Amino acid sequence: MSCIAGCRHLIGACRVRDEAGAGAEMRTRRHFTAEFKARVALEAIRGDRALAELAAAHQLHPNLIMAWRRQAIEEMAKVFNRKDRSNDPKSDSKAKIAKLHAKIGQLVVERDALASACQGRTS
């Protein structure tokens, strides 16, 4: 008898297996938190351990660790960039507060105008 792939091997001797057969286990994709990625990338940047050791310790592929390391290094410059303050929560909240104060002033003016118009009709 031949295997599923049509090879001349005996059943079970060939490495080719059908999707429902043995050895074809579906594994769900793992999701990692940003904190975990940062910790692993920092360990890779430090270089205290070899990349293979890090990969084995965290059960990750070395290419994934290198990608996280590369991304961390590229994004590190943005932390110290003083010109880009658009993501700064303090400046964002200050802008919102200024906008709200302007809206309050506009509403006060409209209220006063309506109040004086109503008093003019009753007289």
PDB file of N, CA and C in Angstrom:
ATOM      1  N   MET A   1       0.840  -1.194   0.000  1.00  0.00           N
ATOM      2  CA  MET A   1       0.000   0.000   0.000  1.00  0.00           C
ATOM      3  C   MET A   1       0.876   1.245   0.000  1.00  0.00           C
ATOM      4  N   SER A   2       0.373   2.304  -0.611  1.00  0.00           N
ATOM      5  CA  SER A   2       1.118   3.558  -0.638  1.00  0.00           C
ATOM      6  C   SER A   2       0.497   4.534   0.354  1.00  0.00           C
ATOM      7  N   CYS A   3       1.211   5.597   0.625  1.00  0.00           N
ATOM      8  CA  CYS A   3       0.718   6.583   1.588  1.00  0.00           C
ATOM      9  C   CYS A   3      -0.303   7.496   0.918  1.00  0.00           C
ATOM     10  N   ILE A   4      -0.781   8.476   1.659  1.00  0.00           N
ATOM     11  CA  ILE A   4      -1.833   9.381   1.197  1.00  0.00           C
ATOM     12  C   ILE A   4      -1.342  10.244   0.038  1.00  0.00           C
ATOM     13  N   ALA A   5      -0.087  10.668   0.073  1.00  0.00           N
ATOM     14  CA  ALA A   5       0.441  11.559  -0.949  1.00  0.00           C
ATOM     15  C   ALA A   5       0.735  10.832  -2.252  1.00  0.00           C
ATOM     16  N   GLY A   6       0.547   9.530  -2.295  1.00  0.00           N
ATOM     17  CA  GLY A   6       0.799   8.779  -3.507  1.00  0.00           C
ATOM     18  C   GLY A   6       2.225   8.300  -3.627  1.00  0.00           C
ATOM     19  N   CYS A   7       2.997   8.438  -2.550  1.00  0.00           N
ATOM     20  CA  CYS A   7       4.370   7.953  -2.569  1.00  0.00           C
ATOM     21  C   CYS A   7       4.366   6.430  -2.532  1.00  0.00           C
ATOM     22  N   ARG A   8       5.496   5.851  -2.707  1.00  0.00           N
ATOM     23  CA  ARG A   8       5.590   4.397  -2.668  1.00  0.00           C
ATOM     24  C   ARG A   8       5.937   3.890  -1.280  1.00  0.00           C
ATOM     25  N   HIS A   9       5.959   4.789  -0.292  1.00  0.00           N
ATOM     26  CA  HIS A   9       6.248   4.375   1.076  1.00  0.00           C
ATOM     27  C   HIS A   9       5.078   3.582   1.638  1.00  0.00           C
ATOM     28  N   LEU A  10       5.354   2.840   2.640  1.00  0.00           N
ATOM     29  CA  LEU A  10       4.279   2.163   3.349  1.00  0.00           C
ATOM     30  C   LEU A  10       3.523   3.179   4.174  1.00  0.00           C
ATOM     31  N   ILE A  11       2.281   2.897   4.484  1.00  0.00           N
ATOM     32  CA  ILE A  11       1.485   3.808   5.289  1.00  0.00           C
ATOM     33  C   ILE A  11       2.185   4.002   6.621  1.00  0.00           C
ATOM     34  N   GLY A  12       2.349   5.242   7.011  1.00  0.00           N
ATOM     35  CA  GLY A  12       2.999   5.575   8.270  1.00  0.00           C
ATOM     36  C   GLY A  12       4.480   5.798   8.132  1.00  0.00           C
ATOM     37  N   ALA A  13       5.093   5.382   7.024  1.00  0.00           N
ATOM     38  CA  ALA A  13       6.532   5.565   6.848  1.00  0.00           C
ATOM     39  C   ALA A  13       6.843   6.907   6.207  1.00  0.00           C
ATOM     40  N   CYS A  14       5.895   7.469   5.488  1.00  0.00           N
ATOM     41  CA  CYS A  14       6.098   8.741   4.798  1.00  0.00           C
ATOM     42  C   CYS A  14       5.871   9.892   5.768  1.00  0.00           C
ATOM     43  N   ARG A  15       6.587  10.974   5.560  1.00  0.00           N
ATOM     44  CA  ARG A  15       6.421  12.141   6.426  1.00  0.00           C
ATOM     45  C   ARG A  15       5.232  12.994   6.009  1.00  0.00           C
ATOM     46  N   VAL A  16       4.745  12.794   4.812  1.00  0.00           N
ATOM     47  CA  VAL A  16       3.591  13.556   4.332  1.00  0.00           C
ATOM     48  C   VAL A  16       2.344  12.990   4.982  1.00  0.00           C
ATOM     49  N   ARG A  17       1.555  13.861   5.588  1.00  0.00           N
ATOM     50  CA  ARG A  17       0.333  13.421   6.260  1.00  0.00           C
ATOM     51  C   ARG A  17      -0.810  14.321   5.794  1.00  0.00           C
ATOM     52  N   ASP A  18      -1.998  13.769   5.811  1.00  0.00           N
ATOM     53  CA  ASP A  18      -3.147  14.609   5.456  1.00  0.00           C
ATOM     54  C   ASP A  18      -3.483  15.526   6.628  1.00  0.00           C
ATOM     55  N   GLU A  19      -4.307  16.537   6.384  1.00  0.00           N
ATOM     56  CA  GLU A  19      -4.604  17.528   7.416  1.00  0.00           C
ATOM     57  C   GLU A  19      -5.318  16.936   8.609  1.00  0.00           C
ATOM     58  N   ALA A  20      -6.106  15.913   8.413  1.00  0.00           N
ATOM     59  CA  ALA A  20      -6.827  15.311   9.531  1.00  0.00           C
ATOM     60  C   ALA A  20      -6.011  14.218  10.194  1.00  0.00           C
ATOM     61  N   GLY A  21      -4.896  13.849   9.605  1.00  0.00           N
ATOM     62  CA  GLY A  21      -4.099  12.733  10.108  1.00  0.00           C
ATOM     63  C   GLY A  21      -3.228  13.112  11.286  1.00  0.00           C
ATOM     64  N   ALA A  22      -2.473  12.129  11.745  1.00  0.00           N
ATOM     65  CA  ALA A  22      -1.600  12.331  12.893  1.00  0.00           C
ATOM     66  C   ALA A  22      -0.491  13.317  12.534  1.00  0.00           C
ATOM     67  N   GLY A  23      -0.109  14.100  13.468  1.00  0.00           N
ATOM     68  CA  GLY A  23       0.982  15.041  13.270  1.00  0.00           C
ATOM     69  C   GLY A  23       0.540  16.393  12.729  1.00  0.00           C
ATOM     70  N   ALA A  24      -0.692  16.544  12.341  1.00  0.00           N
ATOM     71  CA  ALA A  24      -1.176  17.814  11.790  1.00  0.00           C
ATOM     72  C   ALA A  24      -2.074  18.502  12.805  1.00  0.00           C
ATOM     73  N   GLU A  25      -1.515  18.838  13.944  1.00  0.00           N
ATOM     74  CA  GLU A  25      -2.290  19.491  15.002  1.00  0.00           C
ATOM     75  C   GLU A  25      -2.389  20.980  14.696  1.00  0.00           C
ATOM     76  N   MET A  26      -3.584  21.505  14.802  1.00  0.00           N
ATOM     77  CA  MET A  26      -3.782  22.940  14.594  1.00  0.00           C
ATOM     78  C   MET A  26      -3.444  23.657  15.894  1.00  0.00           C
ATOM     79  N   ARG A  27      -2.585  24.610  15.788  1.00  0.00           N
ATOM     80  CA  ARG A  27      -2.168  25.356  16.959  1.00  0.00           C
ATOM     81  C   ARG A  27      -2.712  26.771  16.844  1.00  0.00           C
ATOM     82  N   THR A  28      -3.322  27.266  17.909  1.00  0.00           N
ATOM     83  CA  THR A  28      -3.867  28.617  17.866  1.00  0.00           C
ATOM     84  C   THR A  28      -2.741  29.630  17.944  1.00  0.00           C
ATOM     85  N   ARG A  29      -2.957  30.760  17.344  1.00  0.00           N
ATOM     86  CA  ARG A  29      -1.953  31.820  17.337  1.00  0.00           C
ATOM     87  C   ARG A  29      -1.852  32.426  18.729  1.00  0.00           C
ATOM     88  N   ARG A  30      -0.640  32.584  19.190  1.00  0.00           N
ATOM     89  CA  ARG A  30      -0.439  33.171  20.508  1.00  0.00           C
ATOM     90  C   ARG A  30      -0.384  34.694  20.392  1.00  0.00           C
ATOM     91  N   HIS A  31      -0.915  35.368  21.399  1.00  0.00           N
ATOM     92  CA  HIS A  31      -0.913  36.829  21.450  1.00  0.00           C
ATOM     93  C   HIS A  31      -0.089  37.245  22.658  1.00  0.00           C
ATOM     94  N   PHE A  32       0.789  38.216  22.457  1.00  0.00           N
ATOM     95  CA  PHE A  32       1.670  38.670  23.521  1.00  0.00           C
ATOM     96  C   PHE A  32       1.348  40.110  23.877  1.00  0.00           C
ATOM     97  N   THR A  33       1.435  40.422  25.165  1.00  0.00           N
ATOM     98  CA  THR A  33       1.181  41.786  25.611  1.00  0.00           C
ATOM     99  C   THR A  33       2.368  42.670  25.241  1.00  0.00           C
ATOM    100  N   ALA A  34       2.129  43.959  25.215  1.00  0.00           N
ATOM    101  CA  ALA A  34       3.197  44.908  24.907  1.00  0.00           C
ATOM    102  C   ALA A  34       4.290  44.859  25.973  1.00  0.00           C
ATOM    103  N   GLU A  35       3.894  44.637  27.216  1.00  0.00           N
ATOM    104  CA  GLU A  35       4.875  44.565  28.297  1.00  0.00           C
ATOM    105  C   GLU A  35       5.808  43.371  28.109  1.00  0.00           C
ATOM    106  N   PHE A  36       5.255  42.236  27.709  1.00  0.00           N
ATOM    107  CA  PHE A  36       6.070  41.041  27.488  1.00  0.00           C
ATOM    108  C   PHE A  36       7.034  41.269  26.324  1.00  0.00           C
ATOM    109  N   LYS A  37       6.528  41.855  25.239  1.00  0.00           N
ATOM    110  CA  LYS A  37       7.378  42.125  24.085  1.00  0.00           C
ATOM    111  C   LYS A  37       8.514  43.064  24.465  1.00  0.00           C
ATOM    112  N   ALA A  38       8.189  44.088  25.248  1.00  0.00           N
ATOM    113  CA  ALA A  38       9.210  45.056  25.664  1.00  0.00           C
ATOM    114  C   ALA A  38      10.261  44.397  26.542  1.00  0.00           C
ATOM    115  N   ARG A  39       9.812  43.533  27.445  1.00  0.00           N
ATOM    116  CA  ARG A  39      10.758  42.855  28.340  1.00  0.00           C
ATOM    117  C   ARG A  39      11.708  41.954  27.545  1.00  0.00           C
ATOM    118  N   VAL A  40      11.163  41.197  26.603  1.00  0.00           N
ATOM    119  CA  VAL A  40      11.995  40.296  25.799  1.00  0.00           C
ATOM    120  C   VAL A  40      12.933  41.103  24.903  1.00  0.00           C
ATOM    121  N   ALA A  41      12.420  42.184  24.298  1.00  0.00           N
ATOM    122  CA  ALA A  41      13.256  43.029  23.441  1.00  0.00           C
ATOM    123  C   ALA A  41      14.387  43.663  24.243  1.00  0.00           C
ATOM    124  N   LEU A  42      14.091  44.082  25.458  1.00  0.00           N
ATOM    125  CA  LEU A  42      15.121  44.679  26.303  1.00  0.00           C
ATOM    126  C   LEU A  42      16.197  43.657  26.663  1.00  0.00           C
ATOM    127  N   GLU A  43      15.776  42.427  26.934  1.00  0.00           N
ATOM    128  CA  GLU A  43      16.762  41.371  27.203  1.00  0.00           C
ATOM    129  C   GLU A  43      17.643  41.140  25.984  1.00  0.00           C
ATOM    130  N   ALA A  44      17.063  41.194  24.796  1.00  0.00           N
ATOM    131  CA  ALA A  44      17.837  41.001  23.570  1.00  0.00           C
ATOM    132  C   ALA A  44      18.789  42.174  23.335  1.00  0.00           C
ATOM    133  N   ILE A  45      18.354  43.380  23.656  1.00  0.00           N
ATOM    134  CA  ILE A  45      19.214  44.550  23.482  1.00  0.00           C
ATOM    135  C   ILE A  45      20.390  44.499  24.445  1.00  0.00           C
ATOM    136  N   ARG A  46      20.115  44.109  25.683  1.00  0.00           N
ATOM    137  CA  ARG A  46      21.191  44.019  26.679  1.00  0.00           C
ATOM    138  C   ARG A  46      22.267  43.042  26.239  1.00  0.00           C
ATOM    139  N   GLY A  47      21.868  41.915  25.690  1.00  0.00           N
ATOM    140  CA  GLY A  47      22.831  40.930  25.211  1.00  0.00           C
ATOM    141  C   GLY A  47      23.462  40.093  26.305  1.00  0.00           C
ATOM    142  N   ASP A  48      22.820  40.010  27.463  1.00  0.00           N
ATOM    143  CA  ASP A  48      23.360  39.183  28.546  1.00  0.00           C
ATOM    144  C   ASP A  48      23.353  37.706  28.179  1.00  0.00           C
ATOM    145  N   ARG A  49      22.340  37.296  27.427  1.00  0.00           N
ATOM    146  CA  ARG A  49      22.230  35.901  27.000  1.00  0.00           C
ATOM    147  C   ARG A  49      22.185  35.846  25.479  1.00  0.00           C
ATOM    148  N   ALA A  50      22.557  34.708  24.959  1.00  0.00           N
ATOM    149  CA  ALA A  50      22.521  34.519  23.509  1.00  0.00           C
ATOM    150  C   ALA A  50      21.073  34.498  23.030  1.00  0.00           C
ATOM    151  N   LEU A  51      20.896  34.802  21.773  1.00  0.00           N
ATOM    152  CA  LEU A  51      19.561  34.845  21.188  1.00  0.00           C
ATOM    153  C   LEU A  51      18.881  33.481  21.281  1.00  0.00           C
ATOM    154  N   ALA A  52      19.631  32.433  21.054  1.00  0.00           N
ATOM    155  CA  ALA A  52      19.068  31.080  21.134  1.00  0.00           C
ATOM    156  C   ALA A  52      18.606  30.761  22.560  1.00  0.00           C
ATOM    157  N   GLU A  53      19.342  31.241  23.545  1.00  0.00           N
ATOM    158  CA  GLU A  53      18.947  31.027  24.939  1.00  0.00           C
ATOM    159  C   GLU A  53      17.654  31.771  25.261  1.00  0.00           C
ATOM    160  N   LEU A  54      17.562  33.012  24.798  1.00  0.00           N
ATOM    161  CA  LEU A  54      16.339  33.789  25.008  1.00  0.00           C
ATOM    162  C   LEU A  54      15.146  33.109  24.340  1.00  0.00           C
ATOM    163  N   ALA A  55      15.348  32.668  23.119  1.00  0.00           N
ATOM    164  CA  ALA A  55      14.265  32.020  22.382  1.00  0.00           C
ATOM    165  C   ALA A  55      13.805  30.762  23.103  1.00  0.00           C
ATOM    166  N   ALA A  56      14.730  29.979  23.601  1.00  0.00           N
ATOM    167  CA  ALA A  56      14.363  28.755  24.315  1.00  0.00           C
ATOM    168  C   ALA A  56      13.696  29.071  25.648  1.00  0.00           C
ATOM    169  N   ALA A  57      14.178  30.084  26.331  1.00  0.00           N
ATOM    170  CA  ALA A  57      13.623  30.432  27.643  1.00  0.00           C
ATOM    171  C   ALA A  57      12.180  30.916  27.530  1.00  0.00           C
ATOM    172  N   HIS A  58      11.890  31.658  26.466  1.00  0.00           N
ATOM    173  CA  HIS A  58      10.544  32.222  26.305  1.00  0.00           C
ATOM    174  C   HIS A  58       9.692  31.437  25.316  1.00  0.00           C
ATOM    175  N   GLN A  59      10.223  30.371  24.770  1.00  0.00           N
ATOM    176  CA  GLN A  59       9.535  29.536  23.785  1.00  0.00           C
ATOM    177  C   GLN A  59       9.080  30.358  22.583  1.00  0.00           C
ATOM    178  N   LEU A  60      10.020  31.110  22.037  1.00  0.00           N
ATOM    179  CA  LEU A  60       9.763  31.965  20.882  1.00  0.00           C
ATOM    180  C   LEU A  60      10.771  31.642  19.788  1.00  0.00           C
ATOM    181  N   HIS A  61      10.452  32.020  18.567  1.00  0.00           N
ATOM    182  CA  HIS A  61      11.391  31.865  17.469  1.00  0.00           C
ATOM    183  C   HIS A  61      12.382  33.028  17.523  1.00  0.00           C
ATOM    184  N   PRO A  62      13.646  32.774  17.261  1.00  0.00           N
ATOM    185  CA  PRO A  62      14.635  33.859  17.307  1.00  0.00           C
ATOM    186  C   PRO A  62      14.317  35.018  16.366  1.00  0.00           C
ATOM    187  N   ASN A  63      13.708  34.735  15.213  1.00  0.00           N
ATOM    188  CA  ASN A  63      13.353  35.819  14.285  1.00  0.00           C
ATOM    189  C   ASN A  63      12.329  36.769  14.905  1.00  0.00           C
ATOM    190  N   LEU A  64      11.419  36.241  15.713  1.00  0.00           N
ATOM    191  CA  LEU A  64      10.418  37.072  16.376  1.00  0.00           C
ATOM    192  C   LEU A  64      11.081  37.990  17.399  1.00  0.00           C
ATOM    193  N   ILE A  65      12.026  37.443  18.136  1.00  0.00           N
ATOM    194  CA  ILE A  65      12.751  38.255  19.121  1.00  0.00           C
ATOM    195  C   ILE A  65      13.538  39.355  18.422  1.00  0.00           C
ATOM    196  N   MET A  66      14.170  39.021  17.310  1.00  0.00           N
ATOM    197  CA  MET A  66      14.936  40.031  16.573  1.00  0.00           C
ATOM    198  C   MET A  66      14.017  41.116  16.009  1.00  0.00           C
ATOM    199  N   ALA A  67      12.829  40.737  15.575  1.00  0.00           N
ATOM    200  CA  ALA A  67      11.875  41.734  15.062  1.00  0.00           C
ATOM    201  C   ALA A  67      11.444  42.674  16.177  1.00  0.00           C
ATOM    202  N   TRP A  68      11.161  42.128  17.354  1.00  0.00           N
ATOM    203  CA  TRP A  68      10.775  42.968  18.495  1.00  0.00           C
ATOM    204  C   TRP A  68      11.932  43.873  18.906  1.00  0.00           C
ATOM    205  N   ARG A  69      13.147  43.355  18.877  1.00  0.00           N
ATOM    206  CA  ARG A  69      14.342  44.126  19.227  1.00  0.00           C
ATOM    207  C   ARG A  69      14.510  45.285  18.247  1.00  0.00           C
ATOM    208  N   ARG A  70      14.384  44.995  16.959  1.00  0.00           N
ATOM    209  CA  ARG A  70      14.519  46.016  15.925  1.00  0.00           C
ATOM    210  C   ARG A  70      13.453  47.096  16.081  1.00  0.00           C
ATOM    211  N   GLN A  71      12.222  46.682  16.353  1.00  0.00           N
ATOM    212  CA  GLN A  71      11.134  47.645  16.515  1.00  0.00           C
ATOM    213  C   GLN A  71      11.362  48.521  17.750  1.00  0.00           C
ATOM    214  N   ALA A  72      11.856  47.925  18.820  1.00  0.00           N
ATOM    215  CA  ALA A  72      12.108  48.692  20.046  1.00  0.00           C
ATOM    216  C   ALA A  72      13.185  49.736  19.814  1.00  0.00           C
ATOM    217  N   ILE A  73      14.226  49.371  19.099  1.00  0.00           N
ATOM    218  CA  ILE A  73      15.310  50.317  18.834  1.00  0.00           C
ATOM    219  C   ILE A  73      14.816  51.451  17.933  1.00  0.00           C
ATOM    220  N   GLU A  74      14.012  51.115  16.915  1.00  0.00           N
ATOM    221  CA  GLU A  74      13.499  52.139  16.013  1.00  0.00           C
ATOM    222  C   GLU A  74      12.549  53.101  16.726  1.00  0.00           C
ATOM    223  N   GLU A  75      11.740  52.597  17.627  1.00  0.00           N
ATOM    224  CA  GLU A  75      10.754  53.430  18.320  1.00  0.00           C
ATOM    225  C   GLU A  75      11.354  54.184  19.504  1.00  0.00           C
ATOM    226  N   MET A  76      12.557  53.806  19.921  1.00  0.00           N
ATOM    227  CA  MET A  76      13.172  54.423  21.088  1.00  0.00           C
ATOM    228  C   MET A  76      13.450  55.903  20.858  1.00  0.00           C
ATOM    229  N   ALA A  77      13.795  56.293  19.669  1.00  0.00           N
ATOM    230  CA  ALA A  77      14.107  57.685  19.385  1.00  0.00           C
ATOM    231  C   ALA A  77      12.892  58.584  19.570  1.00  0.00           C
ATOM    232  N   LYS A  78      11.712  58.055  19.342  1.00  0.00           N
ATOM    233  CA  LYS A  78      10.490  58.852  19.493  1.00  0.00           C
ATOM    234  C   LYS A  78      10.243  59.253  20.941  1.00  0.00           C
ATOM    235  N   VAL A  79      10.755  58.487  21.862  1.00  0.00           N
ATOM    236  CA  VAL A  79      10.570  58.795  23.284  1.00  0.00           C
ATOM    237  C   VAL A  79      11.262  60.103  23.631  1.00  0.00           C
ATOM    238  N   PHE A  80      12.418  60.341  23.016  1.00  0.00           N
ATOM    239  CA  PHE A  80      13.215  61.509  23.354  1.00  0.00           C
ATOM    240  C   PHE A  80      13.010  62.669  22.391  1.00  0.00           C
ATOM    241  N   ASN A  81      12.127  62.530  21.445  1.00  0.00           N
ATOM    242  CA  ASN A  81      11.874  63.579  20.470  1.00  0.00           C
ATOM    243  C   ASN A  81      11.017  64.663  21.101  1.00  0.00           C
ATOM    244  N   ARG A  82      11.568  65.848  21.263  1.00  0.00           N
ATOM    245  CA  ARG A  82      10.862  66.954  21.920  1.00  0.00           C
ATOM    246  C   ARG A  82       9.882  67.641  20.974  1.00  0.00           C
ATOM    247  N   LYS A  83      10.105  67.563  19.672  1.00  0.00           N
ATOM    248  CA  LYS A  83       9.239  68.241  18.718  1.00  0.00           C
ATOM    249  C   LYS A  83       7.883  67.576  18.614  1.00  0.00           C
ATOM    250  N   ASP A  84       7.836  66.270  18.792  1.00  0.00           N
ATOM    251  CA  ASP A  84       6.585  65.522  18.635  1.00  0.00           C
ATOM    252  C   ASP A  84       5.895  65.393  19.989  1.00  0.00           C
ATOM    253  N   ARG A  85       5.116  66.385  20.340  1.00  0.00           N
ATOM    254  CA  ARG A  85       4.377  66.365  21.613  1.00  0.00           C
ATOM    255  C   ARG A  85       2.893  66.167  21.383  1.00  0.00           C
ATOM    256  N   SER A  86       2.507  65.749  20.172  1.00  0.00           N
ATOM    257  CA  SER A  86       1.088  65.590  19.878  1.00  0.00           C
ATOM    258  C   SER A  86       0.471  64.439  20.668  1.00  0.00           C
ATOM    259  N   ASN A  87       1.283  63.467  21.071  1.00  0.00           N
ATOM    260  CA  ASN A  87       0.771  62.333  21.842  1.00  0.00           C
ATOM    261  C   ASN A  87       0.892  62.551  23.341  1.00  0.00           C
ATOM    262  N   ASP A  88       1.389  63.727  23.743  1.00  0.00           N
ATOM    263  CA  ASP A  88       1.561  64.024  25.154  1.00  0.00           C
ATOM    264  C   ASP A  88       0.193  64.238  25.798  1.00  0.00           C
ATOM    265  N   PRO A  89      -0.169  63.448  26.818  1.00  0.00           N
ATOM    266  CA  PRO A  89      -1.500  63.591  27.421  1.00  0.00           C
ATOM    267  C   PRO A  89      -1.713  64.948  28.077  1.00  0.00           C
ATOM    268  N   LYS A  90      -0.653  65.556  28.599  1.00  0.00           N
ATOM    269  CA  LYS A  90      -0.813  66.855  29.253  1.00  0.00           C
ATOM    270  C   LYS A  90      -1.167  67.943  28.248  1.00  0.00           C
ATOM    271  N   SER A  91      -0.467  67.973  27.131  1.00  0.00           N
ATOM    272  CA  SER A  91      -0.765  69.001  26.136  1.00  0.00           C
ATOM    273  C   SER A  91      -2.123  68.746  25.495  1.00  0.00           C
ATOM    274  N   ASP A  92      -2.490  67.479  25.361  1.00  0.00           N
ATOM    275  CA  ASP A  92      -3.796  67.127  24.808  1.00  0.00           C
ATOM    276  C   ASP A  92      -4.909  67.597  25.731  1.00  0.00           C
ATOM    277  N   SER A  93      -4.746  67.383  27.031  1.00  0.00           N
ATOM    278  CA  SER A  93      -5.787  67.811  27.973  1.00  0.00           C
ATOM    279  C   SER A  93      -5.831  69.338  28.075  1.00  0.00           C
ATOM    280  N   LYS A  94      -4.689  70.007  27.954  1.00  0.00           N
ATOM    281  CA  LYS A  94      -4.687  71.470  27.986  1.00  0.00           C
ATOM    282  C   LYS A  94      -5.435  72.031  26.785  1.00  0.00           C
ATOM    283  N   ALA A  95      -5.269  71.420  25.640  1.00  0.00           N
ATOM    284  CA  ALA A  95      -5.974  71.867  24.438  1.00  0.00           C
ATOM    285  C   ALA A  95      -7.479  71.663  24.596  1.00  0.00           C
ATOM    286  N   LYS A  96      -7.871  70.531  25.191  1.00  0.00           N
ATOM    287  CA  LYS A  96      -9.296  70.270  25.414  1.00  0.00           C
ATOM    288  C   LYS A  96      -9.885  71.273  26.387  1.00  0.00           C
ATOM    289  N   ILE A  97      -9.138  71.599  27.434  1.00  0.00           N
ATOM    290  CA  ILE A  97      -9.613  72.567  28.427  1.00  0.00           C
ATOM    291  C   ILE A  97      -9.778  73.941  27.789  1.00  0.00           C
ATOM    292  N   ALA A  98      -8.827  74.353  26.971  1.00  0.00           N
ATOM    293  CA  ALA A  98      -8.934  75.656  26.303  1.00  0.00           C
ATOM    294  C   ALA A  98     -10.145  75.689  25.380  1.00  0.00           C
ATOM    295  N   LYS A  99     -10.387  74.598  24.664  1.00  0.00           N
ATOM    296  CA  LYS A  99     -11.542  74.521  23.776  1.00  0.00           C
ATOM    297  C   LYS A  99     -12.851  74.600  24.566  1.00  0.00           C
ATOM    298  N   LEU A 100     -12.887  73.922  25.718  1.00  0.00           N
ATOM    299  CA  LEU A 100     -14.088  73.948  26.554  1.00  0.00           C
ATOM    300  C   LEU A 100     -14.327  75.343  27.137  1.00  0.00           C
ATOM    301  N   HIS A 101     -13.255  76.030  27.540  1.00  0.00           N
ATOM    302  CA  HIS A 101     -13.402  77.396  28.052  1.00  0.00           C
ATOM    303  C   HIS A 101     -13.957  78.316  26.972  1.00  0.00           C
ATOM    304  N   ALA A 102     -13.503  78.154  25.748  1.00  0.00           N
ATOM    305  CA  ALA A 102     -14.023  78.974  24.646  1.00  0.00           C
ATOM    306  C   ALA A 102     -15.508  78.700  24.424  1.00  0.00           C
ATOM    307  N   LYS A 103     -15.902  77.434  24.502  1.00  0.00           N
ATOM    308  CA  LYS A 103     -17.312  77.071  24.326  1.00  0.00           C
ATOM    309  C   LYS A 103     -18.161  77.653  25.456  1.00  0.00           C
ATOM    310  N   ILE A 104     -17.651  77.612  26.683  1.00  0.00           N
ATOM    311  CA  ILE A 104     -18.375  78.180  27.824  1.00  0.00           C
ATOM    312  C   ILE A 104     -18.585  79.674  27.610  1.00  0.00           C
ATOM    313  N   GLY A 105     -17.535  80.377  27.168  1.00  0.00           N
ATOM    314  CA  GLY A 105     -17.648  81.816  26.914  1.00  0.00           C
ATOM    315  C   GLY A 105     -18.696  82.105  25.847  1.00  0.00           C
ATOM    316  N   GLN A 106     -18.724  81.298  24.794  1.00  0.00           N
ATOM    317  CA  GLN A 106     -19.707  81.482  23.728  1.00  0.00           C
ATOM    318  C   GLN A 106     -21.118  81.270  24.263  1.00  0.00           C
ATOM    319  N   LEU A 107     -21.322  80.245  25.076  1.00  0.00           N
ATOM    320  CA  LEU A 107     -22.648  79.962  25.619  1.00  0.00           C
ATOM    321  C   LEU A 107     -23.113  81.055  26.584  1.00  0.00           C
ATOM    322  N   VAL A 108     -22.184  81.619  27.356  1.00  0.00           N
ATOM    323  CA  VAL A 108     -22.530  82.704  28.276  1.00  0.00           C
ATOM    324  C   VAL A 108     -22.993  83.928  27.487  1.00  0.00           C
ATOM    325  N   VAL A 109     -22.290  84.246  26.417  1.00  0.00           N
ATOM    326  CA  VAL A 109     -22.668  85.393  25.584  1.00  0.00           C
ATOM    327  C   VAL A 109     -24.052  85.163  24.976  1.00  0.00           C
ATOM    328  N   GLU A 110     -24.304  83.953  24.474  1.00  0.00           N
ATOM    329  CA  GLU A 110     -25.615  83.646  23.887  1.00  0.00           C
ATOM    330  C   GLU A 110     -26.720  83.720  24.938  1.00  0.00           C
ATOM    331  N   ARG A 111     -26.448  83.215  26.135  1.00  0.00           N
ATOM    332  CA  ARG A 111     -27.444  83.267  27.207  1.00  0.00           C
ATOM    333  C   ARG A 111     -27.770  84.704  27.569  1.00  0.00           C
ATOM    334  N   ASP A 112     -26.759  85.551  27.707  1.00  0.00           N
ATOM    335  CA  ASP A 112     -26.983  86.956  28.058  1.00  0.00           C
ATOM    336  C   ASP A 112     -27.769  87.679  26.966  1.00  0.00           C
ATOM    337  N   ALA A 113     -27.466  87.354  25.715  1.00  0.00           N
ATOM    338  CA  ALA A 113     -28.191  87.988  24.609  1.00  0.00           C
ATOM    339  C   ALA A 113     -29.654  87.561  24.617  1.00  0.00           C
ATOM    340  N   LEU A 114     -29.923  86.288  24.872  1.00  0.00           N
ATOM    341  CA  LEU A 114     -31.302  85.813  24.936  1.00  0.00           C
ATOM    342  C   LEU A 114     -32.035  86.389  26.139  1.00  0.00           C
ATOM    343  N   ALA A 115     -31.349  86.522  27.257  1.00  0.00           N
ATOM    344  CA  ALA A 115     -31.983  87.084  28.455  1.00  0.00           C
ATOM    345  C   ALA A 115     -32.353  88.547  28.224  1.00  0.00           C
ATOM    346  N   SER A 116     -31.477  89.310  27.586  1.00  0.00           N
ATOM    347  CA  SER A 116     -31.789  90.721  27.335  1.00  0.00           C
ATOM    348  C   SER A 116     -32.899  90.845  26.292  1.00  0.00           C
ATOM    349  N   ALA A 117     -32.956  89.916  25.339  1.00  0.00           N
ATOM    350  CA  ALA A 117     -34.017  89.959  24.332  1.00  0.00           C
ATOM    351  C   ALA A 117     -35.364  89.639  24.967  1.00  0.00           C
ATOM    352  N   CYS A 118     -35.371  88.726  25.899  1.00  0.00           N
ATOM    353  CA  CYS A 118     -36.631  88.381  26.589  1.00  0.00           C
ATOM    354  C   CYS A 118     -37.090  89.524  27.475  1.00  0.00           C
ATOM    355  N   GLN A 119     -36.203  90.220  28.131  1.00  0.00           N
ATOM    356  CA  GLN A 119     -36.581  91.350  28.977  1.00  0.00           C
ATOM    357  C   GLN A 119     -37.083  92.516  28.138  1.00  0.00           C
ATOM    358  N   GLY A 120     -36.589  92.672  26.944  1.00  0.00           N
ATOM    359  CA  GLY A 120     -37.028  93.752  26.053  1.00  0.00           C
ATOM    360  C   GLY A 120     -38.442  93.528  25.577  1.00  0.00           C
ATOM    361  N   ARG A 121     -38.890  92.293  25.446  1.00  0.00           N
ATOM    362  CA  ARG A 121     -40.247  91.990  24.982  1.00  0.00           C
ATOM    363  C   ARG A 121     -41.279  92.201  26.078  1.00  0.00           C
ATOM    364  N   THR A 122     -40.923  91.965  27.296  1.00  0.00           N
ATOM    365  CA  THR A 122     -41.864  92.092  28.400  1.00  0.00           C
ATOM    366  C   THR A 122     -42.085  93.552  28.792  1.00  0.00           C
ATOM    367  N   SER A 123     -41.203  94.455  28.414  1.00  0.00           N
ATOM    368  CA  SER A 123     -41.345  95.855  28.797  1.00  0.00           C
ATOM    369  C   SER A 123     -42.257  96.620  27.908  1.00  0.00           C
TER     370      SER A 123
END
